[in-house]
């Protein structure tokens, strides 16, 4: 027969052992989450995949961004995705994050400055210098790149599009795709609506091709915005955590 004193000791110490095991499990799980959260994997273009995942996860606590038309994005090839933008909205960055999350591919954006500390931070998010040569090199490597049109006060119409960057797409024979970004004041909701790739009716050579393609992208962006009917205030208040104001 078992010793009664030992049985009593087991009864007393069993909950302690269980609690200790549970605590160890919790600590181990927390450590694993911390390891995943702080893990970094920088690619050849300076994009930190772990950092991008963390920023995207954090942004979803603040905004609910839906993406439509993701089937227009190439599965493996590169593409230049042109979005409308309003002042102070950082639309190219959040469009890149949203599209990347929808298609499961890294998406970069044009417009990081070449000065510290903002430049390196934007590079970790996938930012590229607004230099046609760099954009062309990335497109030749089959990268997805978001280019923002000239910022406007509202998103009712899109601004002009830098034809020099569009020229990188024409030089590499890469798809040029319009994507409208809209948000609703006083709500968390925002949307990125991706259109079909633009195909010019006639082929041209030289700078006329990039100029016509830039104009066609702007016209299609305006059409997408008309269809969505998005209304934005176009002020820094859209980014403040007040009453759900926010969006792309």
C-alpha atoms as a PDB file:
ATOM      1  CA  UNK A   1       0.000   0.000   0.000  1.00  0.00           C
ATOM      2  CA  UNK A   2       1.055   3.553  -0.667  1.00  0.00           C
ATOM      3  CA  UNK A   3       2.216   5.701   2.118  1.00  0.00           C
ATOM      4  CA  UNK A   4      -0.741   7.978   3.188  1.00  0.00           C
ATOM      5  CA  UNK A   5       1.637  10.849   3.864  1.00  0.00           C
ATOM      6  CA  UNK A   6       3.053  10.596   0.338  1.00  0.00           C
ATOM      7  CA  UNK A   7      -0.455  10.531  -1.171  1.00  0.00           C
ATOM      8  CA  UNK A   8      -1.360  13.644   0.791  1.00  0.00           C
ATOM      9  CA  UNK A   9       1.819  15.354  -0.418  1.00  0.00           C
ATOM     10  CA  UNK A  10       0.945  14.474  -4.031  1.00  0.00           C
ATOM     11  CA  UNK A  11      -2.524  15.970  -3.642  1.00  0.00           C
ATOM     12  CA  UNK A  12      -1.040  19.172  -2.277  1.00  0.00           C
ATOM     13  CA  UNK A  13       1.750  19.529  -4.817  1.00  0.00           C
ATOM     14  CA  UNK A  14      -0.158  18.413  -7.962  1.00  0.00           C
ATOM     15  CA  UNK A  15      -1.905  21.786  -8.511  1.00  0.00           C
ATOM     16  CA  UNK A  16       1.415  23.534  -7.982  1.00  0.00           C
ATOM     17  CA  UNK A  17       3.069  21.355 -10.624  1.00  0.00           C
ATOM     18  CA  UNK A  18       0.166  21.994 -13.043  1.00  0.00           C
ATOM     19  CA  UNK A  19       0.329  25.742 -12.499  1.00  0.00           C
ATOM     20  CA  UNK A  20       4.068  25.678 -12.989  1.00  0.00           C
ATOM     21  CA  UNK A  21       3.693  23.731 -16.230  1.00  0.00           C
ATOM     22  CA  UNK A  22       1.022  26.110 -17.505  1.00  0.00           C
ATOM     23  CA  UNK A  23       3.175  29.105 -16.625  1.00  0.00           C
ATOM     24  CA  UNK A  24       6.097  27.609 -18.483  1.00  0.00           C
ATOM     25  CA  UNK A  25       3.848  26.997 -21.494  1.00  0.00           C
ATOM     26  CA  UNK A  26       2.588  30.598 -21.424  1.00  0.00           C
ATOM     27  CA  UNK A  27       6.127  31.932 -21.176  1.00  0.00           C
ATOM     28  CA  UNK A  28       7.232  29.698 -24.047  1.00  0.00           C
ATOM     29  CA  UNK A  29       4.309  30.831 -26.228  1.00  0.00           C
ATOM     30  CA  UNK A  30       5.022  34.477 -25.445  1.00  0.00           C
ATOM     31  CA  UNK A  31       8.669  33.988 -26.294  1.00  0.00           C
ATOM     32  CA  UNK A  32       7.716  32.378 -29.611  1.00  0.00           C
ATOM     33  CA  UNK A  33       5.403  35.293 -30.445  1.00  0.00           C
ATOM     34  CA  UNK A  34       8.155  37.730 -29.523  1.00  0.00           C
ATOM     35  CA  UNK A  35      10.595  35.860 -31.732  1.00  0.00           C
ATOM     36  CA  UNK A  36       8.192  36.002 -34.695  1.00  0.00           C
ATOM     37  CA  UNK A  37       7.409  39.676 -34.041  1.00  0.00           C
ATOM     38  CA  UNK A  38      11.048  40.693 -33.986  1.00  0.00           C
ATOM     39  CA  UNK A  39      12.248  38.418 -36.802  1.00  0.00           C
ATOM     40  CA  UNK A  40      13.687  40.289 -39.786  1.00  0.00           C
ATOM     41  CA  UNK A  41      14.306  39.133 -43.331  1.00  0.00           C
ATOM     42  CA  UNK A  42      15.644  41.843 -45.616  1.00  0.00           C
ATOM     43  CA  UNK A  43      15.541  41.174 -49.361  1.00  0.00           C
ATOM     44  CA  UNK A  44      17.812  42.471 -52.125  1.00  0.00           C
ATOM     45  CA  UNK A  45      15.860  45.740 -52.362  1.00  0.00           C
ATOM     46  CA  UNK A  46      16.049  46.509 -48.654  1.00  0.00           C
ATOM     47  CA  UNK A  47      12.488  45.469 -47.850  1.00  0.00           C
ATOM     48  CA  UNK A  48      12.217  43.955 -44.381  1.00  0.00           C
ATOM     49  CA  UNK A  49       9.493  41.313 -44.651  1.00  0.00           C
ATOM     50  CA  UNK A  50       9.119  40.941 -40.883  1.00  0.00           C
ATOM     51  CA  UNK A  51       8.835  44.694 -40.396  1.00  0.00           C
ATOM     52  CA  UNK A  52       6.238  44.949 -43.185  1.00  0.00           C
ATOM     53  CA  UNK A  53       4.166  42.144 -41.630  1.00  0.00           C
ATOM     54  CA  UNK A  54       4.214  43.889 -38.261  1.00  0.00           C
ATOM     55  CA  UNK A  55       3.173  47.245 -39.712  1.00  0.00           C
ATOM     56  CA  UNK A  56       0.386  45.597 -41.728  1.00  0.00           C
ATOM     57  CA  UNK A  57      -0.868  43.724 -38.646  1.00  0.00           C
ATOM     58  CA  UNK A  58      -0.830  46.907 -36.585  1.00  0.00           C
ATOM     59  CA  UNK A  59      -2.619  48.886 -39.311  1.00  0.00           C
ATOM     60  CA  UNK A  60      -5.511  46.428 -39.308  1.00  0.00           C
ATOM     61  CA  UNK A  61      -6.205  47.341 -35.696  1.00  0.00           C
ATOM     62  CA  UNK A  62      -6.918  50.844 -36.930  1.00  0.00           C
ATOM     63  CA  UNK A  63      -8.269  50.432 -40.479  1.00  0.00           C
ATOM     64  CA  UNK A  64     -10.379  47.890 -42.307  1.00  0.00           C
ATOM     65  CA  UNK A  65      -9.113  47.918 -45.904  1.00  0.00           C
ATOM     66  CA  UNK A  66     -10.787  45.739 -48.520  1.00  0.00           C
ATOM     67  CA  UNK A  67      -9.227  45.000 -51.892  1.00  0.00           C
ATOM     68  CA  UNK A  68     -11.152  44.360 -55.093  1.00  0.00           C
ATOM     69  CA  UNK A  69      -9.876  43.280 -58.488  1.00  0.00           C
ATOM     70  CA  UNK A  70      -6.871  41.384 -57.142  1.00  0.00           C
ATOM     71  CA  UNK A  71      -7.201  38.988 -60.080  1.00  0.00           C
ATOM     72  CA  UNK A  72      -5.739  41.712 -62.309  1.00  0.00           C
ATOM     73  CA  UNK A  73      -2.390  41.499 -60.503  1.00  0.00           C
ATOM     74  CA  UNK A  74       0.094  39.125 -62.188  1.00  0.00           C
ATOM     75  CA  UNK A  75       0.875  36.060 -60.121  1.00  0.00           C
ATOM     76  CA  UNK A  76       4.592  36.040 -60.970  1.00  0.00           C
ATOM     77  CA  UNK A  77       5.366  38.886 -63.361  1.00  0.00           C
ATOM     78  CA  UNK A  78       6.032  42.460 -62.359  1.00  0.00           C
ATOM     79  CA  UNK A  79       3.580  45.340 -62.705  1.00  0.00           C
ATOM     80  CA  UNK A  80       3.366  49.084 -62.143  1.00  0.00           C
ATOM     81  CA  UNK A  81       0.231  49.816 -60.108  1.00  0.00           C
ATOM     82  CA  UNK A  82      -0.794  53.488 -60.215  1.00  0.00           C
ATOM     83  CA  UNK A  83      -3.031  54.802 -57.423  1.00  0.00           C
ATOM     84  CA  UNK A  84      -4.659  58.128 -56.725  1.00  0.00           C
ATOM     85  CA  UNK A  85      -3.605  59.947 -53.593  1.00  0.00           C
ATOM     86  CA  UNK A  86      -4.690  62.842 -51.465  1.00  0.00           C
ATOM     87  CA  UNK A  87      -2.485  65.043 -49.377  1.00  0.00           C
ATOM     88  CA  UNK A  88      -1.235  63.627 -46.081  1.00  0.00           C
ATOM     89  CA  UNK A  89      -2.842  60.223 -46.748  1.00  0.00           C
ATOM     90  CA  UNK A  90       0.254  58.099 -47.557  1.00  0.00           C
ATOM     91  CA  UNK A  91      -1.973  56.228 -50.006  1.00  0.00           C
ATOM     92  CA  UNK A  92       0.870  54.499 -51.943  1.00  0.00           C
ATOM     93  CA  UNK A  93       2.220  52.920 -48.748  1.00  0.00           C
ATOM     94  CA  UNK A  94      -1.075  51.594 -47.486  1.00  0.00           C
ATOM     95  CA  UNK A  95      -2.134  50.511 -50.977  1.00  0.00           C
ATOM     96  CA  UNK A  96       1.110  48.538 -51.236  1.00  0.00           C
ATOM     97  CA  UNK A  97       0.461  46.901 -47.858  1.00  0.00           C
ATOM     98  CA  UNK A  98      -3.161  46.086 -48.713  1.00  0.00           C
ATOM     99  CA  UNK A  99      -2.417  44.711 -52.184  1.00  0.00           C
ATOM    100  CA  UNK A 100       0.502  42.695 -50.842  1.00  0.00           C
ATOM    101  CA  UNK A 101      -1.747  41.181 -48.203  1.00  0.00           C
ATOM    102  CA  UNK A 102      -4.387  40.331 -50.820  1.00  0.00           C
ATOM    103  CA  UNK A 103      -2.108  38.698 -53.395  1.00  0.00           C
ATOM    104  CA  UNK A 104       0.518  37.230 -51.079  1.00  0.00           C
ATOM    105  CA  UNK A 105       3.437  38.907 -52.838  1.00  0.00           C
ATOM    106  CA  UNK A 106       5.831  41.669 -51.774  1.00  0.00           C
ATOM    107  CA  UNK A 107       4.636  45.016 -53.117  1.00  0.00           C
ATOM    108  CA  UNK A 108       6.893  48.055 -53.195  1.00  0.00           C
ATOM    109  CA  UNK A 109       6.082  51.727 -53.605  1.00  0.00           C
ATOM    110  CA  UNK A 110       7.755  54.704 -55.240  1.00  0.00           C
ATOM    111  CA  UNK A 111       8.738  57.726 -53.222  1.00  0.00           C
ATOM    112  CA  UNK A 112      11.093  57.067 -50.345  1.00  0.00           C
ATOM    113  CA  UNK A 113      13.469  59.956 -49.573  1.00  0.00           C
ATOM    114  CA  UNK A 114      17.213  59.427 -49.678  1.00  0.00           C
ATOM    115  CA  UNK A 115      17.826  60.915 -46.228  1.00  0.00           C
ATOM    116  CA  UNK A 116      17.989  59.393 -42.741  1.00  0.00           C
ATOM    117  CA  UNK A 117      16.146  58.427 -40.652  1.00  0.00           C
ATOM    118  CA  UNK A 118      12.979  58.462 -42.781  1.00  0.00           C
ATOM    119  CA  UNK A 119      14.631  57.029 -45.888  1.00  0.00           C
ATOM    120  CA  UNK A 120      15.877  53.762 -44.337  1.00  0.00           C
ATOM    121  CA  UNK A 121      12.546  53.252 -42.555  1.00  0.00           C
ATOM    122  CA  UNK A 122      10.609  53.680 -45.791  1.00  0.00           C
ATOM    123  CA  UNK A 123      13.030  51.332 -47.524  1.00  0.00           C
ATOM    124  CA  UNK A 124      12.278  48.651 -44.931  1.00  0.00           C
ATOM    125  CA  UNK A 125       8.602  49.053 -45.827  1.00  0.00           C
ATOM    126  CA  UNK A 126       9.410  48.536 -49.499  1.00  0.00           C
ATOM    127  CA  UNK A 127      10.050  52.104 -50.613  1.00  0.00           C
ATOM    128  CA  UNK A 128      12.035  52.803 -53.782  1.00  0.00           C
ATOM    129  CA  UNK A 129      13.691  56.033 -54.840  1.00  0.00           C
ATOM    130  CA  UNK A 130      11.636  57.996 -57.413  1.00  0.00           C
ATOM    131  CA  UNK A 131      14.291  57.414 -60.053  1.00  0.00           C
ATOM    132  CA  UNK A 132      13.226  55.790 -63.356  1.00  0.00           C
ATOM    133  CA  UNK A 133      16.406  53.717 -63.473  1.00  0.00           C
ATOM    134  CA  UNK A 134      15.673  52.112 -60.093  1.00  0.00           C
ATOM    135  CA  UNK A 135      12.039  51.478 -60.986  1.00  0.00           C
ATOM    136  CA  UNK A 136      13.040  49.950 -64.311  1.00  0.00           C
ATOM    137  CA  UNK A 137      15.512  47.646 -62.587  1.00  0.00           C
ATOM    138  CA  UNK A 138      12.856  46.474 -60.125  1.00  0.00           C
ATOM    139  CA  UNK A 139      10.309  45.867 -62.888  1.00  0.00           C
ATOM    140  CA  UNK A 140      12.844  43.811 -64.828  1.00  0.00           C
ATOM    141  CA  UNK A 141      13.153  41.683 -61.686  1.00  0.00           C
ATOM    142  CA  UNK A 142       9.358  41.058 -61.823  1.00  0.00           C
ATOM    143  CA  UNK A 143       8.575  43.197 -58.790  1.00  0.00           C
ATOM    144  CA  UNK A 144       5.162  44.741 -58.052  1.00  0.00           C
ATOM    145  CA  UNK A 145       5.447  48.504 -57.587  1.00  0.00           C
ATOM    146  CA  UNK A 146       2.858  51.094 -56.517  1.00  0.00           C
ATOM    147  CA  UNK A 147       3.164  54.627 -57.903  1.00  0.00           C
ATOM    148  CA  UNK A 148       1.056  57.433 -56.458  1.00  0.00           C
ATOM    149  CA  UNK A 149      -0.383  60.145 -58.677  1.00  0.00           C
ATOM    150  CA  UNK A 150       0.085  63.775 -57.688  1.00  0.00           C
ATOM    151  CA  UNK A 151      -1.755  64.237 -54.347  1.00  0.00           C
ATOM    152  CA  UNK A 152      -5.094  66.046 -54.438  1.00  0.00           C
ATOM    153  CA  UNK A 153      -7.243  67.653 -51.751  1.00  0.00           C
ATOM    154  CA  UNK A 154      -9.905  64.969 -52.245  1.00  0.00           C
ATOM    155  CA  UNK A 155     -10.160  61.631 -54.005  1.00  0.00           C
ATOM    156  CA  UNK A 156     -12.908  62.717 -56.373  1.00  0.00           C
ATOM    157  CA  UNK A 157     -10.332  62.948 -59.160  1.00  0.00           C
ATOM    158  CA  UNK A 158      -6.774  61.751 -59.556  1.00  0.00           C
ATOM    159  CA  UNK A 159      -3.763  63.967 -60.101  1.00  0.00           C
ATOM    160  CA  UNK A 160      -1.190  63.891 -62.863  1.00  0.00           C
ATOM    161  CA  UNK A 161       1.058  60.846 -63.103  1.00  0.00           C
ATOM    162  CA  UNK A 162       4.835  61.029 -63.470  1.00  0.00           C
ATOM    163  CA  UNK A 163       5.367  59.905 -67.056  1.00  0.00           C
ATOM    164  CA  UNK A 164       9.056  59.292 -66.378  1.00  0.00           C
ATOM    165  CA  UNK A 165       8.192  56.491 -63.949  1.00  0.00           C
ATOM    166  CA  UNK A 166       5.556  55.202 -66.349  1.00  0.00           C
ATOM    167  CA  UNK A 167       8.330  55.148 -68.944  1.00  0.00           C
ATOM    168  CA  UNK A 168      10.048  52.448 -66.892  1.00  0.00           C
ATOM    169  CA  UNK A 169       7.005  50.229 -67.505  1.00  0.00           C
ATOM    170  CA  UNK A 170       7.035  50.909 -71.237  1.00  0.00           C
ATOM    171  CA  UNK A 171      10.761  50.188 -71.456  1.00  0.00           C
ATOM    172  CA  UNK A 172      10.346  46.827 -69.706  1.00  0.00           C
ATOM    173  CA  UNK A 173       7.007  46.010 -71.406  1.00  0.00           C
ATOM    174  CA  UNK A 174       5.479  45.649 -67.956  1.00  0.00           C
ATOM    175  CA  UNK A 175       1.756  45.825 -67.231  1.00  0.00           C
ATOM    176  CA  UNK A 176       0.511  49.231 -66.064  1.00  0.00           C
ATOM    177  CA  UNK A 177      -2.537  48.897 -63.799  1.00  0.00           C
ATOM    178  CA  UNK A 178      -4.787  51.630 -62.305  1.00  0.00           C
ATOM    179  CA  UNK A 179      -6.029  51.168 -58.735  1.00  0.00           C
ATOM    180  CA  UNK A 180      -8.408  53.563 -56.993  1.00  0.00           C
ATOM    181  CA  UNK A 181      -8.136  54.174 -53.249  1.00  0.00           C
ATOM    182  CA  UNK A 182     -11.111  55.517 -51.309  1.00  0.00           C
ATOM    183  CA  UNK A 183     -12.100  55.955 -47.683  1.00  0.00           C
ATOM    184  CA  UNK A 184     -15.139  57.193 -45.817  1.00  0.00           C
ATOM    185  CA  UNK A 185     -14.921  59.923 -43.143  1.00  0.00           C
ATOM    186  CA  UNK A 186     -15.874  58.935 -39.591  1.00  0.00           C
ATOM    187  CA  UNK A 187     -15.421  55.224 -40.343  1.00  0.00           C
ATOM    188  CA  UNK A 188     -12.651  52.643 -40.424  1.00  0.00           C
ATOM    189  CA  UNK A 189     -13.613  51.435 -43.882  1.00  0.00           C
ATOM    190  CA  UNK A 190     -11.350  51.923 -46.885  1.00  0.00           C
ATOM    191  CA  UNK A 191     -11.038  50.205 -50.229  1.00  0.00           C
ATOM    192  CA  UNK A 192      -8.496  49.609 -52.953  1.00  0.00           C
ATOM    193  CA  UNK A 193     -10.170  48.799 -56.263  1.00  0.00           C
ATOM    194  CA  UNK A 194      -7.760  47.421 -58.874  1.00  0.00           C
ATOM    195  CA  UNK A 195      -8.627  47.880 -62.531  1.00  0.00           C
ATOM    196  CA  UNK A 196      -7.602  45.948 -65.611  1.00  0.00           C
ATOM    197  CA  UNK A 197      -4.172  46.583 -67.164  1.00  0.00           C
ATOM    198  CA  UNK A 198      -4.092  49.474 -69.611  1.00  0.00           C
ATOM    199  CA  UNK A 199      -3.511  48.632 -73.256  1.00  0.00           C
ATOM    200  CA  UNK A 200      -2.979  51.457 -75.707  1.00  0.00           C
ATOM    201  CA  UNK A 201      -4.825  51.135 -79.004  1.00  0.00           C
ATOM    202  CA  UNK A 202      -1.727  51.985 -81.008  1.00  0.00           C
ATOM    203  CA  UNK A 203       1.905  51.469 -80.272  1.00  0.00           C
ATOM    204  CA  UNK A 204       4.272  54.407 -80.301  1.00  0.00           C
ATOM    205  CA  UNK A 205       7.986  54.780 -79.910  1.00  0.00           C
ATOM    206  CA  UNK A 206       9.852  57.227 -77.752  1.00  0.00           C
ATOM    207  CA  UNK A 207       8.430  59.549 -75.076  1.00  0.00           C
ATOM    208  CA  UNK A 208       4.980  59.776 -76.700  1.00  0.00           C
ATOM    209  CA  UNK A 209       4.179  56.240 -75.563  1.00  0.00           C
ATOM    210  CA  UNK A 210       4.832  56.954 -71.890  1.00  0.00           C
ATOM    211  CA  UNK A 211       2.909  60.234 -72.083  1.00  0.00           C
ATOM    212  CA  UNK A 212      -0.120  58.559 -73.624  1.00  0.00           C
ATOM    213  CA  UNK A 213       0.053  55.698 -71.140  1.00  0.00           C
ATOM    214  CA  UNK A 214       0.209  58.134 -68.212  1.00  0.00           C
ATOM    215  CA  UNK A 215      -2.840  59.992 -69.561  1.00  0.00           C
ATOM    216  CA  UNK A 216      -4.714  56.724 -70.054  1.00  0.00           C
ATOM    217  CA  UNK A 217      -3.926  55.627 -66.495  1.00  0.00           C
ATOM    218  CA  UNK A 218      -5.226  58.926 -65.117  1.00  0.00           C
ATOM    219  CA  UNK A 219      -8.432  58.650 -67.148  1.00  0.00           C
ATOM    220  CA  UNK A 220      -9.067  55.095 -65.968  1.00  0.00           C
ATOM    221  CA  UNK A 221      -8.349  56.110 -62.359  1.00  0.00           C
ATOM    222  CA  UNK A 222     -10.965  58.863 -62.627  1.00  0.00           C
ATOM    223  CA  UNK A 223     -13.398  56.296 -63.997  1.00  0.00           C
ATOM    224  CA  UNK A 224     -12.782  53.937 -61.083  1.00  0.00           C
ATOM    225  CA  UNK A 225     -13.258  56.777 -58.614  1.00  0.00           C
ATOM    226  CA  UNK A 226     -16.551  57.732 -60.254  1.00  0.00           C
ATOM    227  CA  UNK A 227     -17.737  54.133 -59.914  1.00  0.00           C
ATOM    228  CA  UNK A 228     -16.748  53.937 -56.256  1.00  0.00           C
ATOM    229  CA  UNK A 229     -18.077  57.377 -55.368  1.00  0.00           C
ATOM    230  CA  UNK A 230     -15.600  57.761 -52.508  1.00  0.00           C
ATOM    231  CA  UNK A 231     -15.727  60.912 -50.366  1.00  0.00           C
ATOM    232  CA  UNK A 232     -12.662  62.027 -48.440  1.00  0.00           C
ATOM    233  CA  UNK A 233     -11.929  65.128 -46.424  1.00  0.00           C
ATOM    234  CA  UNK A 234      -8.328  65.231 -47.568  1.00  0.00           C
ATOM    235  CA  UNK A 235      -6.973  66.552 -44.274  1.00  0.00           C
ATOM    236  CA  UNK A 236      -4.580  65.146 -41.642  1.00  0.00           C
ATOM    237  CA  UNK A 237      -7.677  64.466 -39.485  1.00  0.00           C
ATOM    238  CA  UNK A 238      -8.335  61.404 -41.641  1.00  0.00           C
ATOM    239  CA  UNK A 239      -5.351  59.728 -39.981  1.00  0.00           C
ATOM    240  CA  UNK A 240      -6.193  60.551 -36.380  1.00  0.00           C
ATOM    241  CA  UNK A 241      -7.793  57.835 -34.198  1.00  0.00           C
ATOM    242  CA  UNK A 242     -10.946  59.882 -33.622  1.00  0.00           C
ATOM    243  CA  UNK A 243     -14.309  58.283 -34.219  1.00  0.00           C
ATOM    244  CA  UNK A 244     -13.027  55.860 -36.801  1.00  0.00           C
ATOM    245  CA  UNK A 245     -11.697  58.456 -39.212  1.00  0.00           C
ATOM    246  CA  UNK A 246      -9.169  56.869 -41.477  1.00  0.00           C
ATOM    247  CA  UNK A 247      -8.420  54.980 -44.586  1.00  0.00           C
ATOM    248  CA  UNK A 248      -6.154  54.859 -47.535  1.00  0.00           C
END
